[in-house]
């Protein structure tokens, strides 16, 4: 029988972010609501849209009424994608040159094989109990693309020659998710993805709770996230299917618009209430990390 311990909502210690780069998307926002949050007026609602071909489709409207922002309409059509997380523990005396070499080669894997549609990576900005130092987040079109990635000779060479000499441990989490069926959200491209903070939350849920209460908890978190379009660009979550790493049962990746947005969300009463009421009793272990995302530039390649 699994022993269950009480775990507080994952938090973080803000520190000076150091990282590397890039990316994408927006999320669909619904649930008819209108709320004033830290000076930003948010409206979320659903409408029916009739296209020129006569077909009707339900769509969602999200508006952040801060200065300079416009409302946007997001289709509710979604597409399945596969998310891949790799956490690394680098050696203590890793030099800047070695770090750059390692991250450069990991980043260029997207140009050496098909199937990778998005990638961000960087040095983890906050302290964590497992002492992970760097994170890589990739998105694949299909599970078959991910399988080929693990077996790709170029990637295996990068690990052998440019990662393992500098790191002593790797942890993988893979899960399937759904995103808005549009180019920018799928490929995590566009102005919204050029900057921000990538937040990764890994959760281990008791096996007896993997259905029922676990699904309810994750659904509650997803619903809450949709209420914060002024803070969050995109969020995905899913059940870990990586055969070589079963330490965590679920993964969540949230792209925040800024470090301040991350702080506001994790510090909100709504998030803490959901964690306490939905997750605390069924969660055995958690790990949360974040890293800064900046446009690809002179620091890499």
C-alpha atoms as a PDB file:
ATOM      1  CA  UNK A   1       0.000   0.000   0.000  1.00  0.00           C
ATOM      2  CA  UNK A   2       1.301   3.425  -0.866  1.00  0.00           C
ATOM      3  CA  UNK A   3       1.970   5.709   2.063  1.00  0.00           C
ATOM      4  CA  UNK A   4       0.574   9.191   1.553  1.00  0.00           C
ATOM      5  CA  UNK A   5       2.105  12.307   3.021  1.00  0.00           C
ATOM      6  CA  UNK A   6       0.687  15.806   3.025  1.00  0.00           C
ATOM      7  CA  UNK A   7       2.326  18.105   0.537  1.00  0.00           C
ATOM      8  CA  UNK A   8       1.938  21.847   0.296  1.00  0.00           C
ATOM      9  CA  UNK A   9       1.146  23.544  -2.961  1.00  0.00           C
ATOM     10  CA  UNK A  10       4.348  23.786  -5.010  1.00  0.00           C
ATOM     11  CA  UNK A  11       5.946  27.188  -4.661  1.00  0.00           C
ATOM     12  CA  UNK A  12       9.179  28.688  -5.836  1.00  0.00           C
ATOM     13  CA  UNK A  13      11.914  31.011  -4.676  1.00  0.00           C
ATOM     14  CA  UNK A  14      12.235  33.912  -7.112  1.00  0.00           C
ATOM     15  CA  UNK A  15      15.845  34.467  -8.109  1.00  0.00           C
ATOM     16  CA  UNK A  16      17.685  36.093 -10.948  1.00  0.00           C
ATOM     17  CA  UNK A  17      16.707  34.040 -14.006  1.00  0.00           C
ATOM     18  CA  UNK A  18      19.371  32.829 -16.370  1.00  0.00           C
ATOM     19  CA  UNK A  19      18.392  31.008 -19.497  1.00  0.00           C
ATOM     20  CA  UNK A  20      17.985  30.188 -23.018  1.00  0.00           C
ATOM     21  CA  UNK A  21      14.999  30.174 -25.202  1.00  0.00           C
ATOM     22  CA  UNK A  22      12.156  30.402 -27.396  1.00  0.00           C
ATOM     23  CA  UNK A  23       8.547  30.020 -28.204  1.00  0.00           C
ATOM     24  CA  UNK A  24       4.821  29.852 -28.636  1.00  0.00           C
ATOM     25  CA  UNK A  25       1.071  29.890 -28.087  1.00  0.00           C
ATOM     26  CA  UNK A  26      -2.207  30.835 -26.693  1.00  0.00           C
ATOM     27  CA  UNK A  27      -4.841  28.860 -24.884  1.00  0.00           C
ATOM     28  CA  UNK A  28      -8.601  28.700 -25.271  1.00  0.00           C
ATOM     29  CA  UNK A  29     -10.418  30.558 -22.543  1.00  0.00           C
ATOM     30  CA  UNK A  30     -14.012  30.035 -21.601  1.00  0.00           C
ATOM     31  CA  UNK A  31     -16.420  29.917 -18.671  1.00  0.00           C
ATOM     32  CA  UNK A  32     -18.492  33.023 -18.827  1.00  0.00           C
ATOM     33  CA  UNK A  33     -16.851  35.343 -16.340  1.00  0.00           C
ATOM     34  CA  UNK A  34     -15.749  38.894 -15.850  1.00  0.00           C
ATOM     35  CA  UNK A  35     -13.182  39.637 -13.215  1.00  0.00           C
ATOM     36  CA  UNK A  36     -10.843  42.408 -12.104  1.00  0.00           C
ATOM     37  CA  UNK A  37      -7.467  40.986 -11.120  1.00  0.00           C
ATOM     38  CA  UNK A  38      -4.571  43.208 -10.127  1.00  0.00           C
ATOM     39  CA  UNK A  39      -5.752  45.991 -12.373  1.00  0.00           C
ATOM     40  CA  UNK A  40      -6.459  43.780 -15.376  1.00  0.00           C
ATOM     41  CA  UNK A  41     -10.070  43.309 -16.441  1.00  0.00           C
ATOM     42  CA  UNK A  42     -10.712  39.857 -17.839  1.00  0.00           C
ATOM     43  CA  UNK A  43     -13.752  38.679 -19.745  1.00  0.00           C
ATOM     44  CA  UNK A  44     -14.302  35.133 -20.855  1.00  0.00           C
ATOM     45  CA  UNK A  45     -17.363  33.833 -22.680  1.00  0.00           C
ATOM     46  CA  UNK A  46     -18.580  31.537 -25.428  1.00  0.00           C
ATOM     47  CA  UNK A  47     -20.175  32.482 -28.743  1.00  0.00           C
ATOM     48  CA  UNK A  48     -21.400  30.696 -31.842  1.00  0.00           C
ATOM     49  CA  UNK A  49     -19.533  31.611 -35.019  1.00  0.00           C
ATOM     50  CA  UNK A  50     -20.999  30.999 -38.487  1.00  0.00           C
ATOM     51  CA  UNK A  51     -18.394  30.638 -41.241  1.00  0.00           C
ATOM     52  CA  UNK A  52     -18.758  31.523 -44.904  1.00  0.00           C
ATOM     53  CA  UNK A  53     -19.471  27.896 -45.803  1.00  0.00           C
ATOM     54  CA  UNK A  54     -22.570  28.003 -43.632  1.00  0.00           C
ATOM     55  CA  UNK A  55     -21.169  25.787 -40.876  1.00  0.00           C
ATOM     56  CA  UNK A  56     -21.489  26.862 -37.274  1.00  0.00           C
ATOM     57  CA  UNK A  57     -18.871  26.315 -34.608  1.00  0.00           C
ATOM     58  CA  UNK A  58     -18.716  27.194 -30.951  1.00  0.00           C
ATOM     59  CA  UNK A  59     -15.785  29.417 -30.135  1.00  0.00           C
ATOM     60  CA  UNK A  60     -14.465  31.152 -27.083  1.00  0.00           C
ATOM     61  CA  UNK A  61     -13.689  34.787 -26.500  1.00  0.00           C
ATOM     62  CA  UNK A  62     -11.012  36.014 -24.149  1.00  0.00           C
ATOM     63  CA  UNK A  63     -10.240  39.634 -23.493  1.00  0.00           C
ATOM     64  CA  UNK A  64      -7.647  41.222 -21.263  1.00  0.00           C
ATOM     65  CA  UNK A  65      -8.563  44.842 -20.894  1.00  0.00           C
ATOM     66  CA  UNK A  66      -5.184  46.140 -19.875  1.00  0.00           C
ATOM     67  CA  UNK A  67      -3.797  48.977 -21.963  1.00  0.00           C
ATOM     68  CA  UNK A  68      -2.811  47.957 -25.478  1.00  0.00           C
ATOM     69  CA  UNK A  69      -4.426  44.529 -25.412  1.00  0.00           C
ATOM     70  CA  UNK A  70      -7.170  43.440 -27.764  1.00  0.00           C
ATOM     71  CA  UNK A  71      -9.716  40.707 -27.388  1.00  0.00           C
ATOM     72  CA  UNK A  72      -9.093  37.536 -29.352  1.00  0.00           C
ATOM     73  CA  UNK A  73     -11.235  34.640 -30.512  1.00  0.00           C
ATOM     74  CA  UNK A  74      -9.958  31.091 -30.167  1.00  0.00           C
ATOM     75  CA  UNK A  75     -11.455  28.073 -31.860  1.00  0.00           C
ATOM     76  CA  UNK A  76     -12.364  25.169 -29.594  1.00  0.00           C
ATOM     77  CA  UNK A  77     -11.004  22.680 -32.138  1.00  0.00           C
ATOM     78  CA  UNK A  78      -8.001  20.918 -30.648  1.00  0.00           C
ATOM     79  CA  UNK A  79      -5.230  18.625 -31.794  1.00  0.00           C
ATOM     80  CA  UNK A  80      -3.325  15.997 -29.864  1.00  0.00           C
ATOM     81  CA  UNK A  81       0.399  16.524 -29.419  1.00  0.00           C
ATOM     82  CA  UNK A  82       3.093  14.830 -27.344  1.00  0.00           C
ATOM     83  CA  UNK A  83       5.080  16.680 -24.684  1.00  0.00           C
ATOM     84  CA  UNK A  84       8.589  15.667 -23.613  1.00  0.00           C
ATOM     85  CA  UNK A  85      10.352  16.913 -20.477  1.00  0.00           C
ATOM     86  CA  UNK A  86      13.984  16.214 -19.630  1.00  0.00           C
ATOM     87  CA  UNK A  87      15.489  17.416 -16.340  1.00  0.00           C
ATOM     88  CA  UNK A  88      19.261  17.382 -15.908  1.00  0.00           C
ATOM     89  CA  UNK A  89      21.612  17.506 -12.926  1.00  0.00           C
ATOM     90  CA  UNK A  90      24.822  19.195 -14.036  1.00  0.00           C
ATOM     91  CA  UNK A  91      28.103  18.839 -12.211  1.00  0.00           C
ATOM     92  CA  UNK A  92      28.861  21.596  -9.689  1.00  0.00           C
ATOM     93  CA  UNK A  93      31.897  22.977 -11.502  1.00  0.00           C
ATOM     94  CA  UNK A  94      30.171  23.293 -14.887  1.00  0.00           C
ATOM     95  CA  UNK A  95      31.727  26.241 -16.728  1.00  0.00           C
ATOM     96  CA  UNK A  96      29.781  28.734 -18.837  1.00  0.00           C
ATOM     97  CA  UNK A  97      31.462  27.384 -21.955  1.00  0.00           C
ATOM     98  CA  UNK A  98      30.480  23.789 -21.117  1.00  0.00           C
ATOM     99  CA  UNK A  99      26.932  24.849 -20.325  1.00  0.00           C
ATOM    100  CA  UNK A 100      26.628  26.718 -23.617  1.00  0.00           C
ATOM    101  CA  UNK A 101      28.007  23.729 -25.535  1.00  0.00           C
ATOM    102  CA  UNK A 102      25.524  21.363 -23.885  1.00  0.00           C
ATOM    103  CA  UNK A 103      22.477  23.589 -24.434  1.00  0.00           C
ATOM    104  CA  UNK A 104      23.485  24.518 -27.973  1.00  0.00           C
ATOM    105  CA  UNK A 105      23.658  20.894 -29.046  1.00  0.00           C
ATOM    106  CA  UNK A 106      20.407  19.976 -27.321  1.00  0.00           C
ATOM    107  CA  UNK A 107      18.691  22.893 -29.018  1.00  0.00           C
ATOM    108  CA  UNK A 108      19.951  21.970 -32.488  1.00  0.00           C
ATOM    109  CA  UNK A 109      18.411  18.486 -32.295  1.00  0.00           C
ATOM    110  CA  UNK A 110      15.216  20.035 -33.698  1.00  0.00           C
ATOM    111  CA  UNK A 111      17.037  20.698 -36.977  1.00  0.00           C
ATOM    112  CA  UNK A 112      18.443  17.187 -37.276  1.00  0.00           C
ATOM    113  CA  UNK A 113      15.233  15.149 -37.157  1.00  0.00           C
ATOM    114  CA  UNK A 114      11.592  15.394 -38.059  1.00  0.00           C
ATOM    115  CA  UNK A 115       8.709  15.562 -35.623  1.00  0.00           C
ATOM    116  CA  UNK A 116       9.944  18.202 -33.149  1.00  0.00           C
ATOM    117  CA  UNK A 117       7.560  21.139 -33.435  1.00  0.00           C
ATOM    118  CA  UNK A 118       8.728  23.252 -30.463  1.00  0.00           C
ATOM    119  CA  UNK A 119      11.551  23.412 -27.938  1.00  0.00           C
ATOM    120  CA  UNK A 120      12.585  25.517 -24.957  1.00  0.00           C
ATOM    121  CA  UNK A 121      15.468  24.895 -22.597  1.00  0.00           C
ATOM    122  CA  UNK A 122      17.548  26.654 -20.010  1.00  0.00           C
ATOM    123  CA  UNK A 123      19.068  26.829 -16.579  1.00  0.00           C
ATOM    124  CA  UNK A 124      16.532  26.327 -13.805  1.00  0.00           C
ATOM    125  CA  UNK A 125      16.050  29.584 -11.920  1.00  0.00           C
ATOM    126  CA  UNK A 126      14.869  28.258  -8.561  1.00  0.00           C
ATOM    127  CA  UNK A 127      16.214  25.821  -5.998  1.00  0.00           C
ATOM    128  CA  UNK A 128      14.514  22.418  -5.940  1.00  0.00           C
ATOM    129  CA  UNK A 129      14.701  19.459  -3.592  1.00  0.00           C
ATOM    130  CA  UNK A 130      16.031  17.125  -6.294  1.00  0.00           C
ATOM    131  CA  UNK A 131      18.840  19.549  -7.257  1.00  0.00           C
ATOM    132  CA  UNK A 132      18.035  19.628 -10.962  1.00  0.00           C
ATOM    133  CA  UNK A 133      19.955  22.396 -12.713  1.00  0.00           C
ATOM    134  CA  UNK A 134      18.650  22.479 -16.308  1.00  0.00           C
ATOM    135  CA  UNK A 135      15.435  21.647 -18.144  1.00  0.00           C
ATOM    136  CA  UNK A 136      14.543  20.778 -21.734  1.00  0.00           C
ATOM    137  CA  UNK A 137      10.945  20.876 -22.969  1.00  0.00           C
ATOM    138  CA  UNK A 138      10.034  19.593 -26.429  1.00  0.00           C
ATOM    139  CA  UNK A 139       6.795  19.053 -28.321  1.00  0.00           C
ATOM    140  CA  UNK A 140       6.323  16.281 -30.883  1.00  0.00           C
ATOM    141  CA  UNK A 141       3.551  15.676 -33.360  1.00  0.00           C
ATOM    142  CA  UNK A 142       3.029  12.015 -32.436  1.00  0.00           C
ATOM    143  CA  UNK A 143       4.200   9.295 -30.061  1.00  0.00           C
ATOM    144  CA  UNK A 144       5.955   7.660 -33.008  1.00  0.00           C
ATOM    145  CA  UNK A 145       7.998  10.838 -33.543  1.00  0.00           C
ATOM    146  CA  UNK A 146       9.006  10.738 -29.877  1.00  0.00           C
ATOM    147  CA  UNK A 147       9.991   7.071 -30.142  1.00  0.00           C
ATOM    148  CA  UNK A 148      12.193   7.841 -33.145  1.00  0.00           C
ATOM    149  CA  UNK A 149      13.729  10.759 -31.243  1.00  0.00           C
ATOM    150  CA  UNK A 150      14.879   8.500 -28.400  1.00  0.00           C
ATOM    151  CA  UNK A 151      16.547   6.216 -30.956  1.00  0.00           C
ATOM    152  CA  UNK A 152      17.972   8.911 -33.229  1.00  0.00           C
ATOM    153  CA  UNK A 153      21.737   8.555 -33.718  1.00  0.00           C
ATOM    154  CA  UNK A 154      22.336  12.314 -33.693  1.00  0.00           C
ATOM    155  CA  UNK A 155      20.486  12.724 -30.385  1.00  0.00           C
ATOM    156  CA  UNK A 156      22.287   9.744 -28.843  1.00  0.00           C
ATOM    157  CA  UNK A 157      25.574  11.304 -29.945  1.00  0.00           C
ATOM    158  CA  UNK A 158      24.618  14.620 -28.341  1.00  0.00           C
ATOM    159  CA  UNK A 159      23.902  12.834 -25.069  1.00  0.00           C
ATOM    160  CA  UNK A 160      27.126  10.868 -25.202  1.00  0.00           C
ATOM    161  CA  UNK A 161      29.469  13.690 -26.222  1.00  0.00           C
ATOM    162  CA  UNK A 162      27.843  16.914 -25.021  1.00  0.00           C
ATOM    163  CA  UNK A 163      25.497  16.108 -22.137  1.00  0.00           C
ATOM    164  CA  UNK A 164      26.679  13.175 -20.041  1.00  0.00           C
ATOM    165  CA  UNK A 165      30.232  14.547 -19.667  1.00  0.00           C
ATOM    166  CA  UNK A 166      28.648  17.483 -17.842  1.00  0.00           C
ATOM    167  CA  UNK A 167      25.667  15.822 -16.118  1.00  0.00           C
ATOM    168  CA  UNK A 168      25.263  12.894 -13.744  1.00  0.00           C
ATOM    169  CA  UNK A 169      21.507  12.320 -13.900  1.00  0.00           C
ATOM    170  CA  UNK A 170      18.589  12.712 -16.315  1.00  0.00           C
ATOM    171  CA  UNK A 171      14.854  12.372 -15.657  1.00  0.00           C
ATOM    172  CA  UNK A 172      12.231  12.085 -18.407  1.00  0.00           C
ATOM    173  CA  UNK A 173       8.481  12.676 -18.367  1.00  0.00           C
ATOM    174  CA  UNK A 174       6.376  12.226 -21.530  1.00  0.00           C
ATOM    175  CA  UNK A 175       2.664  12.842 -21.878  1.00  0.00           C
ATOM    176  CA  UNK A 176       0.005  13.415 -24.492  1.00  0.00           C
ATOM    177  CA  UNK A 177      -1.988  16.653 -24.440  1.00  0.00           C
ATOM    178  CA  UNK A 178      -4.365  18.700 -26.553  1.00  0.00           C
ATOM    179  CA  UNK A 179      -3.792  22.228 -27.860  1.00  0.00           C
ATOM    180  CA  UNK A 180      -5.737  24.613 -30.019  1.00  0.00           C
ATOM    181  CA  UNK A 181      -5.696  23.375 -33.623  1.00  0.00           C
ATOM    182  CA  UNK A 182      -3.864  26.318 -35.127  1.00  0.00           C
ATOM    183  CA  UNK A 183      -0.284  26.870 -36.291  1.00  0.00           C
ATOM    184  CA  UNK A 184       0.798  29.336 -33.603  1.00  0.00           C
ATOM    185  CA  UNK A 185      -0.464  27.317 -30.606  1.00  0.00           C
ATOM    186  CA  UNK A 186       0.806  24.016 -31.989  1.00  0.00           C
ATOM    187  CA  UNK A 187       4.287  25.258 -32.894  1.00  0.00           C
ATOM    188  CA  UNK A 188       4.425  27.739 -29.997  1.00  0.00           C
ATOM    189  CA  UNK A 189       5.276  30.596 -32.333  1.00  0.00           C
ATOM    190  CA  UNK A 190       4.415  34.252 -32.383  1.00  0.00           C
ATOM    191  CA  UNK A 191       4.985  37.288 -30.242  1.00  0.00           C
ATOM    192  CA  UNK A 192       3.355  35.788 -27.153  1.00  0.00           C
ATOM    193  CA  UNK A 193       5.896  32.985 -27.098  1.00  0.00           C
ATOM    194  CA  UNK A 194       9.016  35.086 -27.601  1.00  0.00           C
ATOM    195  CA  UNK A 195       9.313  35.885 -23.911  1.00  0.00           C
ATOM    196  CA  UNK A 196       8.095  34.562 -20.589  1.00  0.00           C
ATOM    197  CA  UNK A 197       8.684  31.863 -18.025  1.00  0.00           C
ATOM    198  CA  UNK A 198       8.309  28.110 -18.563  1.00  0.00           C
ATOM    199  CA  UNK A 199       6.888  26.458 -15.452  1.00  0.00           C
ATOM    200  CA  UNK A 200       7.069  22.677 -15.094  1.00  0.00           C
ATOM    201  CA  UNK A 201       5.146  20.813 -12.408  1.00  0.00           C
ATOM    202  CA  UNK A 202       5.663  17.074 -11.957  1.00  0.00           C
ATOM    203  CA  UNK A 203       3.276  15.171  -9.711  1.00  0.00           C
ATOM    204  CA  UNK A 204       3.222  11.665  -8.275  1.00  0.00           C
ATOM    205  CA  UNK A 205      -0.318  10.602  -7.440  1.00  0.00           C
ATOM    206  CA  UNK A 206      -1.183   7.487  -5.464  1.00  0.00           C
ATOM    207  CA  UNK A 207      -2.014   4.604  -7.808  1.00  0.00           C
ATOM    208  CA  UNK A 208      -5.390   4.074  -6.189  1.00  0.00           C
ATOM    209  CA  UNK A 209      -6.328   7.656  -7.054  1.00  0.00           C
ATOM    210  CA  UNK A 210      -5.159   7.759 -10.687  1.00  0.00           C
ATOM    211  CA  UNK A 211      -8.743   7.747 -11.814  1.00  0.00           C
ATOM    212  CA  UNK A 212     -11.580   9.562 -10.201  1.00  0.00           C
ATOM    213  CA  UNK A 213     -10.071  12.032  -7.747  1.00  0.00           C
ATOM    214  CA  UNK A 214      -6.895  12.543  -9.782  1.00  0.00           C
ATOM    215  CA  UNK A 215      -8.842  13.341 -12.933  1.00  0.00           C
ATOM    216  CA  UNK A 216     -11.080  15.688 -10.948  1.00  0.00           C
ATOM    217  CA  UNK A 217      -8.064  17.488  -9.474  1.00  0.00           C
ATOM    218  CA  UNK A 218      -6.377  17.968 -12.838  1.00  0.00           C
ATOM    219  CA  UNK A 219      -9.626  19.149 -14.401  1.00  0.00           C
ATOM    220  CA  UNK A 220     -10.021  21.716 -11.620  1.00  0.00           C
ATOM    221  CA  UNK A 221      -6.491  22.982 -12.213  1.00  0.00           C
ATOM    222  CA  UNK A 222      -7.082  23.231 -15.962  1.00  0.00           C
ATOM    223  CA  UNK A 223     -10.315  25.138 -15.385  1.00  0.00           C
ATOM    224  CA  UNK A 224      -8.591  27.573 -13.026  1.00  0.00           C
ATOM    225  CA  UNK A 225      -5.792  28.197 -15.523  1.00  0.00           C
ATOM    226  CA  UNK A 226      -8.342  29.232 -18.140  1.00  0.00           C
ATOM    227  CA  UNK A 227      -9.442  32.033 -15.834  1.00  0.00           C
ATOM    228  CA  UNK A 228      -6.025  33.718 -16.023  1.00  0.00           C
ATOM    229  CA  UNK A 229      -5.420  34.628 -19.693  1.00  0.00           C
ATOM    230  CA  UNK A 230      -3.709  37.850 -18.649  1.00  0.00           C
ATOM    231  CA  UNK A 231      -1.040  35.767 -16.868  1.00  0.00           C
ATOM    232  CA  UNK A 232      -0.839  32.544 -18.889  1.00  0.00           C
ATOM    233  CA  UNK A 233      -0.145  31.998 -22.582  1.00  0.00           C
ATOM    234  CA  UNK A 234      -0.601  28.217 -22.744  1.00  0.00           C
ATOM    235  CA  UNK A 235      -0.929  25.231 -20.455  1.00  0.00           C
ATOM    236  CA  UNK A 236      -0.775  21.471 -21.081  1.00  0.00           C
ATOM    237  CA  UNK A 237      -1.016  18.471 -18.771  1.00  0.00           C
ATOM    238  CA  UNK A 238      -1.171  14.719 -19.025  1.00  0.00           C
ATOM    239  CA  UNK A 239      -0.396  11.237 -17.752  1.00  0.00           C
ATOM    240  CA  UNK A 240       3.266  10.218 -17.932  1.00  0.00           C
ATOM    241  CA  UNK A 241       3.793   7.284 -20.289  1.00  0.00           C
ATOM    242  CA  UNK A 242       7.607   7.249 -20.331  1.00  0.00           C
ATOM    243  CA  UNK A 243       8.534   3.595 -19.676  1.00  0.00           C
ATOM    244  CA  UNK A 244      11.964   4.390 -18.252  1.00  0.00           C
ATOM    245  CA  UNK A 245      10.803   6.980 -15.711  1.00  0.00           C
ATOM    246  CA  UNK A 246       7.824   6.302 -13.457  1.00  0.00           C
ATOM    247  CA  UNK A 247       8.808   8.474 -10.519  1.00  0.00           C
ATOM    248  CA  UNK A 248       6.104  10.970 -11.492  1.00  0.00           C
ATOM    249  CA  UNK A 249       2.654  10.055 -12.779  1.00  0.00           C
ATOM    250  CA  UNK A 250       1.695  13.400 -14.333  1.00  0.00           C
ATOM    251  CA  UNK A 251       3.287  16.408 -15.949  1.00  0.00           C
ATOM    252  CA  UNK A 252       2.070  19.992 -16.278  1.00  0.00           C
ATOM    253  CA  UNK A 253       3.739  22.701 -18.377  1.00  0.00           C
ATOM    254  CA  UNK A 254       2.541  26.306 -18.152  1.00  0.00           C
ATOM    255  CA  UNK A 255       3.943  29.219 -20.145  1.00  0.00           C
ATOM    256  CA  UNK A 256       3.596  32.365 -18.059  1.00  0.00           C
ATOM    257  CA  UNK A 257       3.894  35.803 -19.600  1.00  0.00           C
ATOM    258  CA  UNK A 258       6.478  36.905 -17.030  1.00  0.00           C
ATOM    259  CA  UNK A 259       8.038  36.023 -13.682  1.00  0.00           C
ATOM    260  CA  UNK A 260       5.545  38.371 -12.031  1.00  0.00           C
ATOM    261  CA  UNK A 261       2.684  36.471 -13.675  1.00  0.00           C
ATOM    262  CA  UNK A 262       4.072  33.217 -12.254  1.00  0.00           C
ATOM    263  CA  UNK A 263       4.279  34.726  -8.786  1.00  0.00           C
ATOM    264  CA  UNK A 264       0.727  36.078  -8.961  1.00  0.00           C
ATOM    265  CA  UNK A 265      -0.752  32.750 -10.048  1.00  0.00           C
ATOM    266  CA  UNK A 266       1.100  30.525  -7.567  1.00  0.00           C
ATOM    267  CA  UNK A 267       0.388  33.009  -4.804  1.00  0.00           C
ATOM    268  CA  UNK A 268      -3.302  33.323  -5.596  1.00  0.00           C
ATOM    269  CA  UNK A 269      -5.920  32.136  -3.134  1.00  0.00           C
ATOM    270  CA  UNK A 270      -7.640  30.201  -5.934  1.00  0.00           C
ATOM    271  CA  UNK A 271      -4.546  28.119  -6.726  1.00  0.00           C
ATOM    272  CA  UNK A 272      -3.795  27.399  -3.077  1.00  0.00           C
ATOM    273  CA  UNK A 273      -7.407  26.409  -2.425  1.00  0.00           C
ATOM    274  CA  UNK A 274      -7.424  23.951  -5.334  1.00  0.00           C
ATOM    275  CA  UNK A 275      -4.154  22.416  -4.221  1.00  0.00           C
ATOM    276  CA  UNK A 276      -5.355  22.015  -0.656  1.00  0.00           C
ATOM    277  CA  UNK A 277      -8.810  20.678  -1.521  1.00  0.00           C
ATOM    278  CA  UNK A 278      -8.040  18.584  -4.617  1.00  0.00           C
ATOM    279  CA  UNK A 279      -4.383  17.527  -4.643  1.00  0.00           C
ATOM    280  CA  UNK A 280      -3.042  17.388  -1.108  1.00  0.00           C
ATOM    281  CA  UNK A 281      -4.729  14.137  -0.031  1.00  0.00           C
ATOM    282  CA  UNK A 282      -3.832  12.169  -3.172  1.00  0.00           C
ATOM    283  CA  UNK A 283      -0.348  13.477  -3.936  1.00  0.00           C
ATOM    284  CA  UNK A 284       2.741  11.583  -2.825  1.00  0.00           C
ATOM    285  CA  UNK A 285       5.435  13.785  -4.322  1.00  0.00           C
ATOM    286  CA  UNK A 286       5.808  16.940  -6.396  1.00  0.00           C
ATOM    287  CA  UNK A 287       8.565  18.816  -8.171  1.00  0.00           C
ATOM    288  CA  UNK A 288       8.154  22.322  -9.570  1.00  0.00           C
ATOM    289  CA  UNK A 289      10.776  24.275 -11.507  1.00  0.00           C
ATOM    290  CA  UNK A 290      10.828  27.259 -13.831  1.00  0.00           C
ATOM    291  CA  UNK A 291      13.200  28.898 -16.271  1.00  0.00           C
ATOM    292  CA  UNK A 292      13.204  32.105 -18.264  1.00  0.00           C
ATOM    293  CA  UNK A 293      12.500  32.130 -21.987  1.00  0.00           C
ATOM    294  CA  UNK A 294      14.061  34.716 -24.298  1.00  0.00           C
ATOM    295  CA  UNK A 295      14.226  35.014 -28.072  1.00  0.00           C
ATOM    296  CA  UNK A 296      16.929  33.001 -29.779  1.00  0.00           C
ATOM    297  CA  UNK A 297      19.826  35.356 -30.256  1.00  0.00           C
ATOM    298  CA  UNK A 298      23.520  35.779 -29.841  1.00  0.00           C
ATOM    299  CA  UNK A 299      23.717  33.737 -26.628  1.00  0.00           C
ATOM    300  CA  UNK A 300      23.137  30.464 -28.396  1.00  0.00           C
ATOM    301  CA  UNK A 301      24.440  28.936 -31.659  1.00  0.00           C
END
